[in-house]
Amino acid sequence: MKLQTDPKMVAKIAKECEDANWRFRSFLKGINLEVKELDAIVHAHLEDAANQIDCCACGNCCREILPTLTDDDINRLAAGLCISPEEIVTQYLTRDDEGDLTFNQMPCPFLLENRCRVYEHRPETCRSYPHLQKNEFAFRVAQAVNNCSICPIVFNVFARLKTQLWH
């Protein structure tokens, strides 16, 4: 299966497939696979897709997602930028509807030409995106469906899962 790498095309196709993706999510909830088996399938597809897709050629996650930052994230950013944690909060962050701290603008204020200016100091959520490498995928399928329109890696892994398990 040829990989789709263009973020605009990924968003368009993901929108067209949204109903099918939600039906596939329901299918996965009842599939006769152990959680670890599904994880192994996801991880194999992730490895293949990630080896073929350059995140630095995309940067779409930094344009479309507002990560939640922890105190550790704020302290790491502050150290990397040689400013105080309080300055990070006042210059770059705001509270979301749940009261969590997140960036005060989109795209991310640290995105420059598809690259993170604070890569070594980026928040943990950014470090683990697109979260497909984590175990227990079966319990995070809704997150993957939502990320299909944002991340070419997620889009391609999900498409391959549908082909392998559903069709």
Protein backbone atom coordinates (compact mmCIF):
# COMPACT_ATOMS: atom_id res chain seq x y z
CA MET A 1 0.00 0.00 0.00
CA LYS A 2 1.42 3.37 -1.03
CA LEU A 3 1.81 5.83 1.83
CA GLN A 4 -0.04 9.13 1.76
CA THR A 5 2.39 11.79 3.05
CA ASP A 6 0.82 15.13 2.08
CA PRO A 7 -0.89 16.59 5.19
CA LYS A 8 -3.54 18.37 3.10
CA MET A 9 -4.42 15.19 1.25
CA VAL A 10 -4.39 13.24 4.51
CA ALA A 11 -6.87 15.70 6.03
CA LYS A 12 -9.12 15.50 2.97
CA ILE A 13 -9.15 11.70 2.79
CA ALA A 14 -9.52 11.35 6.58
CA LYS A 15 -12.60 13.58 6.43
CA GLU A 16 -14.06 11.41 3.67
CA CYS A 17 -13.30 8.25 5.70
CA GLU A 18 -14.40 9.59 9.08
CA ASP A 19 -17.60 7.50 9.31
CA ALA A 20 -15.73 4.36 8.26
CA ASN A 21 -12.98 5.11 10.78
CA TRP A 22 -15.52 5.35 13.60
CA ARG A 23 -17.15 2.09 12.43
CA PHE A 24 -13.70 0.50 12.41
CA ARG A 25 -13.18 1.73 15.96
CA SER A 26 -16.39 -0.08 16.97
CA PHE A 27 -15.19 -3.17 15.13
CA LEU A 28 -11.88 -3.08 17.05
CA LYS A 29 -13.75 -2.97 20.36
CA GLY A 30 -15.18 -6.41 19.59
CA ILE A 31 -12.31 -8.00 17.70
CA ASN A 32 -11.01 -11.32 18.95
CA LEU A 33 -7.43 -10.18 19.52
CA GLU A 34 -5.51 -9.84 22.73
CA VAL A 35 -4.47 -6.27 23.56
CA LYS A 36 -0.80 -7.25 23.11
CA GLU A 37 -1.53 -8.80 19.71
CA LEU A 38 -3.18 -5.62 18.47
CA ASP A 39 -0.31 -3.58 19.88
CA ALA A 40 2.21 -5.72 17.98
CA ILE A 41 0.29 -5.16 14.72
CA VAL A 42 0.06 -1.41 15.33
CA HIS A 43 3.76 -1.20 16.26
CA ALA A 44 4.80 -3.05 13.11
CA HIS A 45 2.77 -0.71 10.89
CA LEU A 46 4.09 2.27 12.85
CA GLU A 47 7.69 1.24 12.36
CA ASP A 48 7.19 0.85 8.63
CA ALA A 49 5.31 4.14 8.20
CA ALA A 50 7.65 6.12 10.45
CA ASN A 51 10.64 4.89 8.47
CA GLN A 52 9.10 6.32 5.30
CA ILE A 53 7.61 9.59 6.57
CA ASP A 54 9.75 12.53 7.67
CA CYS A 55 7.99 14.42 10.46
CA CYS A 56 10.20 17.44 9.74
CA ALA A 57 8.73 17.63 6.25
CA CYS A 58 5.29 17.90 7.81
CA GLY A 59 5.09 19.59 11.22
CA ASN A 60 1.30 19.39 11.04
CA CYS A 61 0.93 18.27 14.65
CA CYS A 62 2.58 21.53 15.73
CA ARG A 63 0.05 23.45 13.64
CA GLU A 64 -3.07 21.58 14.70
CA ILE A 65 -2.67 20.36 18.29
CA LEU A 66 -2.38 22.23 21.55
CA PRO A 67 -0.54 19.97 24.00
CA THR A 68 -1.15 20.08 27.73
CA LEU A 69 2.01 21.02 29.62
CA THR A 70 3.07 19.73 33.01
CA ASP A 71 5.28 21.50 35.53
CA ASP A 72 8.17 19.32 34.33
CA ASP A 73 7.50 20.45 30.73
CA ILE A 74 7.48 24.10 31.78
CA ASN A 75 10.71 23.72 33.76
CA ARG A 76 12.41 21.91 30.86
CA LEU A 77 11.33 24.63 28.40
CA ALA A 78 12.45 27.36 30.77
CA ALA A 79 15.88 25.76 31.19
CA GLY A 80 16.22 25.33 27.42
CA LEU A 81 15.29 28.95 26.74
CA CYS A 82 17.27 30.30 29.72
CA ILE A 83 14.23 32.06 31.16
CA SER A 84 12.17 31.44 34.28
CA PRO A 85 9.21 29.06 34.39
CA GLU A 86 7.04 32.07 35.20
CA GLU A 87 8.16 33.73 31.96
CA ILE A 88 7.22 30.57 30.03
CA VAL A 89 3.75 30.74 31.56
CA THR A 90 3.19 34.43 30.92
CA GLN A 91 4.73 34.56 27.43
CA TYR A 92 3.64 31.26 25.89
CA LEU A 93 0.85 29.58 27.85
CA THR A 94 -2.83 29.88 28.64
CA ARG A 95 -5.38 27.75 30.48
CA ASP A 96 -7.73 25.61 28.43
CA ASP A 97 -11.36 24.84 29.25
CA GLU A 98 -10.30 22.16 31.73
CA GLY A 99 -7.85 24.52 33.45
CA ASP A 100 -4.75 22.85 32.03
CA LEU A 101 -1.84 24.88 30.70
CA THR A 102 -1.35 24.83 26.94
CA PHE A 103 0.25 27.06 24.34
CA ASN A 104 -1.49 30.40 23.82
CA GLN A 105 -1.34 30.21 20.03
CA MET A 106 -1.48 27.87 17.10
CA PRO A 107 0.70 26.93 15.45
CA CYS A 108 3.07 26.23 18.29
CA PRO A 109 5.17 29.31 19.06
CA PHE A 110 8.30 27.17 18.76
CA LEU A 111 7.60 25.86 15.26
CA LEU A 112 9.94 27.26 12.64
CA GLU A 113 9.85 25.88 9.08
CA ASN A 114 8.40 22.52 10.20
CA ARG A 115 11.03 22.16 12.92
CA CYS A 116 10.82 22.56 16.66
CA ARG A 117 13.14 25.31 17.90
CA VAL A 118 13.12 23.70 21.37
CA TYR A 119 13.26 20.06 20.25
CA GLU A 120 15.52 18.86 23.07
CA HIS A 121 13.27 20.62 25.61
CA ARG A 122 9.82 19.98 24.07
CA PRO A 123 6.85 18.86 26.22
CA GLU A 124 6.37 15.18 26.95
CA THR A 125 3.16 15.01 24.89
CA CYS A 126 5.10 16.29 21.89
CA ARG A 127 7.85 13.75 22.54
CA SER A 128 5.41 10.85 22.47
CA TYR A 129 3.26 12.01 19.54
CA PRO A 130 1.65 10.32 17.63
CA HIS A 131 1.26 7.99 20.63
CA LEU A 132 1.05 4.84 18.51
CA GLN A 133 4.20 3.42 20.07
CA LYS A 134 2.44 3.20 23.43
CA ASN A 135 0.88 -0.06 24.55
CA GLU A 136 -2.87 -0.64 24.90
CA PHE A 137 -3.84 0.86 21.55
CA ALA A 138 -7.27 -0.74 21.94
CA PHE A 139 -8.06 1.77 24.67
CA ARG A 140 -6.91 4.79 22.64
CA VAL A 141 -8.50 4.12 19.26
CA ALA A 142 -10.68 7.26 19.47
CA GLN A 143 -7.51 9.34 19.82
CA ALA A 144 -6.09 7.67 16.71
CA VAL A 145 -9.28 8.34 14.74
CA ASN A 146 -9.04 12.01 15.68
CA ASN A 147 -5.35 12.13 14.76
CA CYS A 148 -5.93 10.53 11.32
CA SER A 149 -6.69 13.95 9.85
CA ILE A 150 -3.59 15.54 11.42
CA CYS A 151 -0.72 13.08 11.17
CA PRO A 152 0.25 11.20 8.00
CA ILE A 153 1.80 8.45 10.13
CA VAL A 154 -1.43 7.87 12.07
CA PHE A 155 -3.46 8.09 8.86
CA ASN A 156 -1.36 5.41 7.15
CA VAL A 157 -1.19 3.10 10.16
CA PHE A 158 -4.95 3.31 10.59
CA ALA A 159 -5.54 2.67 6.87
CA ARG A 160 -3.29 -0.38 7.03
CA LEU A 161 -5.07 -1.66 10.13
CA LYS A 162 -8.41 -1.37 8.34
CA THR A 163 -7.03 -3.26 5.35
CA GLN A 164 -5.44 -5.99 7.44
CA LEU A 165 -8.13 -6.53 10.06
CA TRP A 166 -11.41 -5.30 8.65
CA HIS A 167 -11.58 -5.91 4.91
